[in-house]
Amino acid sequence: MNRNMHWLTTALDGFLGFLPNLVAGLFILLLGYVISRVLSRVTHSILHRLGFDRLMTKLGIVSRKESDVASHWAGTAVFVVAMLATVMQVARTWNMSFVAAGFARLIEYAPHVLGAIVIFGASVILGNWVRDRLLRTPIMNEGDTRDGQMHLVPPGARGVIIAIGAFMALRELQIAPEIVNTAFSLTLGAIALAAALAFGLGGRDVAARLAQSWYDKRRGGPSLGAT
């Protein structure tokens, strides 16, 4: 009987000792949820007013039917990060150090995720800009160019830039850096080889004219084929 009473007394003392921490943790959780919701809505509203959704639609990342989905994603990301910080503080309040350490690592990894998103987004913007500029060049509007393989150059350049951005984003995420570096090197080598073969096999006439033009300029005389 005394042993049972001692066990009940010890359990009650432990619960009463933990009760202030429990109440404080629940209060922090509730307050953090409210703050996270407010930050999410503020982020959504500010980005939408600044034209973030129009930019994402123009880049082709989201469809025109989803008018505010990009700013909604950004607001959701802010909410998730804020809630992770809240749960980490709650875990520390409840003396759950291993849980707090896990959430701390997630928060430390968040900047890498943000950096990867920025890098990949910048590569998409740059790729679209290069593609549009190539499509507006006079050589791309010639009849022979439209019927030949030159029309593949603008989307190909865009794909190469986005691929490089994707590899850089993966490296920022620290996902198997050795494999990513090897794959990146192999991809660049394959692109260079493909470009060399395309120019050497498909552009022999152009290369011959360029070489003849350079040769004539160095000699200071007209080309042999011009006579």
C-alpha atoms as a PDB file:
ATOM      1  CA  MET A   1       0.000   0.000   0.000  1.00  0.00           C
ATOM      2  CA  ASN A   2       2.782   2.408   0.923  1.00  0.00           C
ATOM      3  CA  ARG A   3       4.580   1.512  -2.309  1.00  0.00           C
ATOM      4  CA  ASN A   4       1.493   2.296  -4.372  1.00  0.00           C
ATOM      5  CA  MET A   5       0.957   5.556  -2.569  1.00  0.00           C
ATOM      6  CA  HIS A   6       4.580   6.503  -3.180  1.00  0.00           C
ATOM      7  CA  TRP A   7       4.183   5.794  -6.891  1.00  0.00           C
ATOM      8  CA  LEU A   8       1.007   7.896  -7.106  1.00  0.00           C
ATOM      9  CA  THR A   9       2.629  10.718  -5.172  1.00  0.00           C
ATOM     10  CA  THR A  10       5.686  10.689  -7.430  1.00  0.00           C
ATOM     11  CA  ALA A  11       3.530  10.686 -10.579  1.00  0.00           C
ATOM     12  CA  LEU A  12       1.377  13.522  -9.264  1.00  0.00           C
ATOM     13  CA  ASP A  13       4.423  15.555  -8.296  1.00  0.00           C
ATOM     14  CA  GLY A  14       5.920  15.014 -11.764  1.00  0.00           C
ATOM     15  CA  PHE A  15       2.679  16.044 -13.465  1.00  0.00           C
ATOM     16  CA  LEU A  16       2.312  19.137 -11.299  1.00  0.00           C
ATOM     17  CA  GLY A  17       5.939  20.028 -11.990  1.00  0.00           C
ATOM     18  CA  PHE A  18       5.423  19.600 -15.725  1.00  0.00           C
ATOM     19  CA  LEU A  19       2.068  21.438 -15.777  1.00  0.00           C
ATOM     20  CA  PRO A  20       3.558  24.960 -16.083  1.00  0.00           C
ATOM     21  CA  ASN A  21       5.721  23.815 -18.992  1.00  0.00           C
ATOM     22  CA  LEU A  22       2.691  22.136 -20.596  1.00  0.00           C
ATOM     23  CA  VAL A  23       0.610  25.296 -20.354  1.00  0.00           C
ATOM     24  CA  ALA A  24       3.488  27.443 -21.608  1.00  0.00           C
ATOM     25  CA  GLY A  25       4.083  25.084 -24.544  1.00  0.00           C
ATOM     26  CA  LEU A  26       0.401  25.097 -25.528  1.00  0.00           C
ATOM     27  CA  PHE A  27       0.355  28.898 -25.313  1.00  0.00           C
ATOM     28  CA  ILE A  28       3.475  29.132 -27.503  1.00  0.00           C
ATOM     29  CA  LEU A  29       1.911  26.712 -29.991  1.00  0.00           C
ATOM     30  CA  LEU A  30      -1.301  28.718 -30.198  1.00  0.00           C
ATOM     31  CA  LEU A  31       0.532  32.036 -30.457  1.00  0.00           C
ATOM     32  CA  GLY A  32       2.910  30.660 -33.078  1.00  0.00           C
ATOM     33  CA  TYR A  33       0.007  29.336 -35.149  1.00  0.00           C
ATOM     34  CA  VAL A  34      -1.697  32.741 -35.114  1.00  0.00           C
ATOM     35  CA  ILE A  35       1.537  34.537 -36.055  1.00  0.00           C
ATOM     36  CA  SER A  36       2.241  31.991 -38.802  1.00  0.00           C
ATOM     37  CA  ARG A  37      -1.226  32.519 -40.293  1.00  0.00           C
ATOM     38  CA  VAL A  38      -0.780  36.296 -40.212  1.00  0.00           C
ATOM     39  CA  LEU A  39       2.653  36.094 -41.844  1.00  0.00           C
ATOM     40  CA  SER A  40       1.278  33.753 -44.497  1.00  0.00           C
ATOM     41  CA  ARG A  41      -1.564  36.099 -45.405  1.00  0.00           C
ATOM     42  CA  VAL A  42       0.690  39.170 -45.391  1.00  0.00           C
ATOM     43  CA  THR A  43       3.212  37.425 -47.661  1.00  0.00           C
ATOM     44  CA  HIS A  44       0.438  36.304 -50.001  1.00  0.00           C
ATOM     45  CA  SER A  45      -1.050  39.787 -50.203  1.00  0.00           C
ATOM     46  CA  ILE A  46       2.248  41.639 -50.683  1.00  0.00           C
ATOM     47  CA  LEU A  47       3.572  39.289 -53.378  1.00  0.00           C
ATOM     48  CA  HIS A  48       0.260  39.365 -55.227  1.00  0.00           C
ATOM     49  CA  ARG A  49       0.228  43.176 -55.236  1.00  0.00           C
ATOM     50  CA  LEU A  50       3.850  43.332 -56.376  1.00  0.00           C
ATOM     51  CA  GLY A  51       3.018  41.240 -59.446  1.00  0.00           C
ATOM     52  CA  PHE A  52       4.672  38.005 -58.386  1.00  0.00           C
ATOM     53  CA  ASP A  53       1.802  35.942 -59.823  1.00  0.00           C
ATOM     54  CA  ARG A  54       1.966  37.764 -63.158  1.00  0.00           C
ATOM     55  CA  LEU A  55       5.690  37.115 -63.329  1.00  0.00           C
ATOM     56  CA  MET A  56       5.255  33.407 -62.663  1.00  0.00           C
ATOM     57  CA  THR A  57       2.501  33.252 -65.288  1.00  0.00           C
ATOM     58  CA  LYS A  58       4.669  35.065 -67.813  1.00  0.00           C
ATOM     59  CA  LEU A  59       7.495  32.620 -67.199  1.00  0.00           C
ATOM     60  CA  GLY A  60       5.134  29.718 -67.778  1.00  0.00           C
ATOM     61  CA  ILE A  61       5.588  28.252 -64.307  1.00  0.00           C
ATOM     62  CA  VAL A  62       1.867  28.514 -63.498  1.00  0.00           C
ATOM     63  CA  SER A  63      -1.140  28.666 -65.803  1.00  0.00           C
ATOM     64  CA  ARG A  64      -3.202  31.764 -66.417  1.00  0.00           C
ATOM     65  CA  LYS A  65      -6.264  30.152 -64.828  1.00  0.00           C
ATOM     66  CA  GLU A  66      -4.495  30.014 -61.452  1.00  0.00           C
ATOM     67  CA  SER A  67      -4.288  33.744 -60.813  1.00  0.00           C
ATOM     68  CA  ASP A  68      -2.735  33.717 -57.335  1.00  0.00           C
ATOM     69  CA  VAL A  69      -1.308  30.237 -56.913  1.00  0.00           C
ATOM     70  CA  ALA A  70       2.336  31.406 -56.882  1.00  0.00           C
ATOM     71  CA  SER A  71       1.834  33.892 -54.050  1.00  0.00           C
ATOM     72  CA  HIS A  72      -0.254  31.252 -52.254  1.00  0.00           C
ATOM     73  CA  TRP A  73       2.676  28.821 -52.433  1.00  0.00           C
ATOM     74  CA  ALA A  74       5.001  31.489 -51.067  1.00  0.00           C
ATOM     75  CA  GLY A  75       2.609  32.210 -48.210  1.00  0.00           C
ATOM     76  CA  THR A  76       2.337  28.510 -47.447  1.00  0.00           C
ATOM     77  CA  ALA A  77       6.135  28.223 -47.353  1.00  0.00           C
ATOM     78  CA  VAL A  78       6.324  31.085 -44.860  1.00  0.00           C
ATOM     79  CA  PHE A  79       3.637  29.408 -42.746  1.00  0.00           C
ATOM     80  CA  VAL A  80       5.520  26.097 -42.715  1.00  0.00           C
ATOM     81  CA  VAL A  81       8.825  27.709 -41.704  1.00  0.00           C
ATOM     82  CA  ALA A  82       7.166  29.733 -38.947  1.00  0.00           C
ATOM     83  CA  MET A  83       5.384  26.645 -37.620  1.00  0.00           C
ATOM     84  CA  LEU A  84       8.627  24.680 -37.626  1.00  0.00           C
ATOM     85  CA  ALA A  85      10.209  27.384 -35.477  1.00  0.00           C
ATOM     86  CA  THR A  86       7.153  27.331 -33.197  1.00  0.00           C
ATOM     87  CA  VAL A  87       7.226  23.558 -32.751  1.00  0.00           C
ATOM     88  CA  MET A  88      10.956  23.743 -32.024  1.00  0.00           C
ATOM     89  CA  GLN A  89      10.334  26.233 -29.219  1.00  0.00           C
ATOM     90  CA  VAL A  90       7.488  24.094 -27.868  1.00  0.00           C
ATOM     91  CA  ALA A  91       9.746  21.051 -27.831  1.00  0.00           C
ATOM     92  CA  ARG A  92      12.382  22.976 -25.902  1.00  0.00           C
ATOM     93  CA  THR A  93       9.756  24.137 -23.420  1.00  0.00           C
ATOM     94  CA  TRP A  94       8.674  20.535 -22.881  1.00  0.00           C
ATOM     95  CA  ASN A  95      12.326  19.429 -22.465  1.00  0.00           C
ATOM     96  CA  MET A  96      12.179  17.317 -25.657  1.00  0.00           C
ATOM     97  CA  SER A  97      15.695  18.176 -26.741  1.00  0.00           C
ATOM     98  CA  PHE A  98      15.949  15.515 -29.464  1.00  0.00           C
ATOM     99  CA  VAL A  99      12.786  16.791 -31.170  1.00  0.00           C
ATOM    100  CA  ALA A 100      13.983  20.390 -30.899  1.00  0.00           C
ATOM    101  CA  ALA A 101      17.327  19.419 -32.438  1.00  0.00           C
ATOM    102  CA  GLY A 102      15.557  17.732 -35.368  1.00  0.00           C
ATOM    103  CA  PHE A 103      13.424  20.778 -36.117  1.00  0.00           C
ATOM    104  CA  ALA A 104      16.482  23.026 -35.721  1.00  0.00           C
ATOM    105  CA  ARG A 105      18.204  21.046 -38.476  1.00  0.00           C
ATOM    106  CA  LEU A 106      15.165  21.441 -40.712  1.00  0.00           C
ATOM    107  CA  ILE A 107      15.200  25.184 -40.168  1.00  0.00           C
ATOM    108  CA  GLU A 108      18.927  25.329 -40.895  1.00  0.00           C
ATOM    109  CA  TYR A 109      18.290  23.477 -44.165  1.00  0.00           C
ATOM    110  CA  ALA A 110      15.525  25.896 -45.218  1.00  0.00           C
ATOM    111  CA  PRO A 111      17.958  28.528 -46.635  1.00  0.00           C
ATOM    112  CA  HIS A 112      19.414  25.870 -48.944  1.00  0.00           C
ATOM    113  CA  VAL A 113      15.920  25.116 -50.241  1.00  0.00           C
ATOM    114  CA  LEU A 114      15.261  28.828 -50.766  1.00  0.00           C
ATOM    115  CA  GLY A 115      18.595  29.222 -52.534  1.00  0.00           C
ATOM    116  CA  ALA A 116      17.847  26.273 -54.815  1.00  0.00           C
ATOM    117  CA  ILE A 117      14.451  27.752 -55.709  1.00  0.00           C
ATOM    118  CA  VAL A 118      16.028  31.126 -56.487  1.00  0.00           C
ATOM    119  CA  ILE A 119      18.767  29.525 -58.631  1.00  0.00           C
ATOM    120  CA  PHE A 120      16.327  27.402 -60.604  1.00  0.00           C
ATOM    121  CA  GLY A 121      13.915  30.324 -61.022  1.00  0.00           C
ATOM    122  CA  ALA A 122      16.742  32.540 -62.269  1.00  0.00           C
ATOM    123  CA  SER A 123      17.762  29.861 -64.776  1.00  0.00           C
ATOM    124  CA  VAL A 124      14.181  29.678 -66.074  1.00  0.00           C
ATOM    125  CA  ILE A 125      14.050  33.471 -66.442  1.00  0.00           C
ATOM    126  CA  LEU A 126      17.422  33.579 -68.192  1.00  0.00           C
ATOM    127  CA  GLY A 127      16.514  30.642 -70.429  1.00  0.00           C
ATOM    128  CA  ASN A 128      13.272  32.281 -71.520  1.00  0.00           C
ATOM    129  CA  TRP A 129      15.068  35.585 -72.137  1.00  0.00           C
ATOM    130  CA  VAL A 130      17.734  33.939 -74.306  1.00  0.00           C
ATOM    131  CA  ARG A 131      15.102  31.972 -76.241  1.00  0.00           C
ATOM    132  CA  ASP A 132      13.056  35.093 -76.942  1.00  0.00           C
ATOM    133  CA  ARG A 133      16.123  37.025 -78.094  1.00  0.00           C
ATOM    134  CA  LEU A 134      17.185  34.229 -80.408  1.00  0.00           C
ATOM    135  CA  LEU A 135      13.702  33.999 -81.891  1.00  0.00           C
ATOM    136  CA  ARG A 136      13.806  37.714 -82.701  1.00  0.00           C
ATOM    137  CA  THR A 137      17.114  37.608 -84.554  1.00  0.00           C
ATOM    138  CA  PRO A 138      16.919  38.115 -88.345  1.00  0.00           C
ATOM    139  CA  ILE A 139      18.589  34.803 -89.124  1.00  0.00           C
ATOM    140  CA  MET A 140      15.812  32.910 -87.338  1.00  0.00           C
ATOM    141  CA  ASN A 141      13.177  34.556 -89.546  1.00  0.00           C
ATOM    142  CA  GLU A 142      14.693  33.493 -92.836  1.00  0.00           C
ATOM    143  CA  GLY A 143      12.872  30.920 -94.897  1.00  0.00           C
ATOM    144  CA  ASP A 144      15.720  28.412 -94.996  1.00  0.00           C
ATOM    145  CA  THR A 145      16.130  28.687 -91.254  1.00  0.00           C
ATOM    146  CA  ARG A 146      12.469  28.028 -90.536  1.00  0.00           C
ATOM    147  CA  ASP A 147      12.512  24.968 -92.769  1.00  0.00           C
ATOM    148  CA  GLY A 148      15.823  23.654 -91.443  1.00  0.00           C
ATOM    149  CA  GLN A 149      17.079  22.695 -88.041  1.00  0.00           C
ATOM    150  CA  MET A 150      17.936  26.186 -86.837  1.00  0.00           C
ATOM    151  CA  HIS A 151      14.494  26.467 -85.258  1.00  0.00           C
ATOM    152  CA  LEU A 152      15.726  23.981 -82.649  1.00  0.00           C
ATOM    153  CA  VAL A 153      18.428  26.376 -81.425  1.00  0.00           C
ATOM    154  CA  PRO A 154      16.262  28.709 -79.239  1.00  0.00           C
ATOM    155  CA  PRO A 155      14.492  25.934 -77.281  1.00  0.00           C
ATOM    156  CA  GLY A 156      17.750  24.017 -77.126  1.00  0.00           C
ATOM    157  CA  ALA A 157      19.572  26.983 -75.600  1.00  0.00           C
ATOM    158  CA  ARG A 158      16.751  27.426 -73.104  1.00  0.00           C
ATOM    159  CA  GLY A 159      16.925  23.746 -72.164  1.00  0.00           C
ATOM    160  CA  VAL A 160      20.685  23.885 -71.652  1.00  0.00           C
ATOM    161  CA  ILE A 161      20.425  26.937 -69.366  1.00  0.00           C
ATOM    162  CA  ILE A 162      17.628  25.364 -67.330  1.00  0.00           C
ATOM    163  CA  ALA A 163      19.581  22.091 -67.076  1.00  0.00           C
ATOM    164  CA  ILE A 164      22.616  23.954 -65.741  1.00  0.00           C
ATOM    165  CA  GLY A 165      20.372  25.758 -63.256  1.00  0.00           C
ATOM    166  CA  ALA A 166      18.861  22.446 -62.165  1.00  0.00           C
ATOM    167  CA  PHE A 167      22.314  20.977 -61.484  1.00  0.00           C
ATOM    168  CA  MET A 168      23.291  24.093 -59.517  1.00  0.00           C
ATOM    169  CA  ALA A 169      20.056  23.847 -57.526  1.00  0.00           C
ATOM    170  CA  LEU A 170      20.739  20.201 -56.707  1.00  0.00           C
ATOM    171  CA  ARG A 171      24.217  21.126 -55.570  1.00  0.00           C
ATOM    172  CA  GLU A 172      22.762  23.848 -53.341  1.00  0.00           C
ATOM    173  CA  LEU A 173      20.450  21.234 -51.830  1.00  0.00           C
ATOM    174  CA  GLN A 174      23.558  19.141 -51.016  1.00  0.00           C
ATOM    175  CA  ILE A 175      22.012  16.039 -52.565  1.00  0.00           C
ATOM    176  CA  ALA A 176      24.814  13.590 -53.429  1.00  0.00           C
ATOM    177  CA  PRO A 177      27.287  16.340 -54.460  1.00  0.00           C
ATOM    178  CA  GLU A 178      29.764  13.885 -56.023  1.00  0.00           C
ATOM    179  CA  ILE A 179      27.093  12.354 -58.263  1.00  0.00           C
ATOM    180  CA  VAL A 180      25.713  15.784 -59.169  1.00  0.00           C
ATOM    181  CA  ASN A 181      29.183  17.106 -60.082  1.00  0.00           C
ATOM    182  CA  THR A 182      29.904  14.053 -62.221  1.00  0.00           C
ATOM    183  CA  ALA A 183      26.541  14.258 -63.974  1.00  0.00           C
ATOM    184  CA  PHE A 184      27.027  17.982 -64.555  1.00  0.00           C
ATOM    185  CA  SER A 185      30.450  17.426 -66.125  1.00  0.00           C
ATOM    186  CA  LEU A 186      29.111  14.638 -68.336  1.00  0.00           C
ATOM    187  CA  THR A 187      26.170  16.791 -69.411  1.00  0.00           C
ATOM    188  CA  LEU A 188      28.390  19.727 -70.365  1.00  0.00           C
ATOM    189  CA  GLY A 189      30.680  17.384 -72.262  1.00  0.00           C
ATOM    190  CA  ALA A 190      27.756  15.865 -74.135  1.00  0.00           C
ATOM    191  CA  ILE A 191      26.397  19.324 -75.001  1.00  0.00           C
ATOM    192  CA  ALA A 192      29.796  20.453 -76.277  1.00  0.00           C
ATOM    193  CA  LEU A 193      30.202  17.281 -78.338  1.00  0.00           C
ATOM    194  CA  ALA A 194      26.706  17.587 -79.786  1.00  0.00           C
ATOM    195  CA  ALA A 195      27.301  21.231 -80.698  1.00  0.00           C
ATOM    196  CA  ALA A 196      30.630  20.370 -82.337  1.00  0.00           C
ATOM    197  CA  LEU A 197      29.070  17.541 -84.342  1.00  0.00           C
ATOM    198  CA  ALA A 198      26.096  19.666 -85.340  1.00  0.00           C
ATOM    199  CA  PHE A 199      28.368  22.448 -86.558  1.00  0.00           C
ATOM    200  CA  GLY A 200      30.841  20.099 -88.189  1.00  0.00           C
ATOM    201  CA  LEU A 201      28.313  17.890 -89.967  1.00  0.00           C
ATOM    202  CA  GLY A 202      25.300  20.114 -90.473  1.00  0.00           C
ATOM    203  CA  GLY A 203      27.145  23.413 -90.962  1.00  0.00           C
ATOM    204  CA  ARG A 204      30.004  22.423 -93.223  1.00  0.00           C
ATOM    205  CA  ASP A 205      29.073  24.951 -95.895  1.00  0.00           C
ATOM    206  CA  VAL A 206      28.829  27.737 -93.351  1.00  0.00           C
ATOM    207  CA  ALA A 207      32.136  26.735 -91.799  1.00  0.00           C
ATOM    208  CA  ALA A 208      33.764  26.621 -95.229  1.00  0.00           C
ATOM    209  CA  ARG A 209      32.504  30.110 -96.086  1.00  0.00           C
ATOM    210  CA  LEU A 210      33.692  31.472 -92.744  1.00  0.00           C
ATOM    211  CA  ALA A 211      37.103  29.887 -93.125  1.00  0.00           C
ATOM    212  CA  GLN A 212      37.408  31.203 -96.708  1.00  0.00           C
ATOM    213  CA  SER A 213      36.361  34.666 -95.565  1.00  0.00           C
ATOM    214  CA  TRP A 214      38.984  34.693 -92.800  1.00  0.00           C
ATOM    215  CA  TYR A 215      41.608  33.437 -95.233  1.00  0.00           C
ATOM    216  CA  ASP A 216      40.774  36.118 -97.781  1.00  0.00           C
ATOM    217  CA  LYS A 217      40.894  38.849 -95.153  1.00  0.00           C
ATOM    218  CA  ARG A 218      44.342  37.746 -94.071  1.00  0.00           C
ATOM    219  CA  ARG A 219      45.612  37.691 -97.663  1.00  0.00           C
ATOM    220  CA  GLY A 220      43.809  40.898 -98.544  1.00  0.00           C
ATOM    221  CA  GLY A 221      42.378  39.518-101.768  1.00  0.00           C
ATOM    222  CA  PRO A 222      39.071  38.209-103.068  1.00  0.00           C
ATOM    223  CA  SER A 223      38.035  34.620-102.650  1.00  0.00           C
ATOM    224  CA  LEU A 224      38.738  32.127-105.417  1.00  0.00           C
ATOM    225  CA  GLY A 225      35.093  31.265-105.782  1.00  0.00           C
ATOM    226  CA  ALA A 226      34.173  34.916-106.446  1.00  0.00           C
ATOM    227  CA  THR A 227      35.899  35.030-109.848  1.00  0.00           C
END
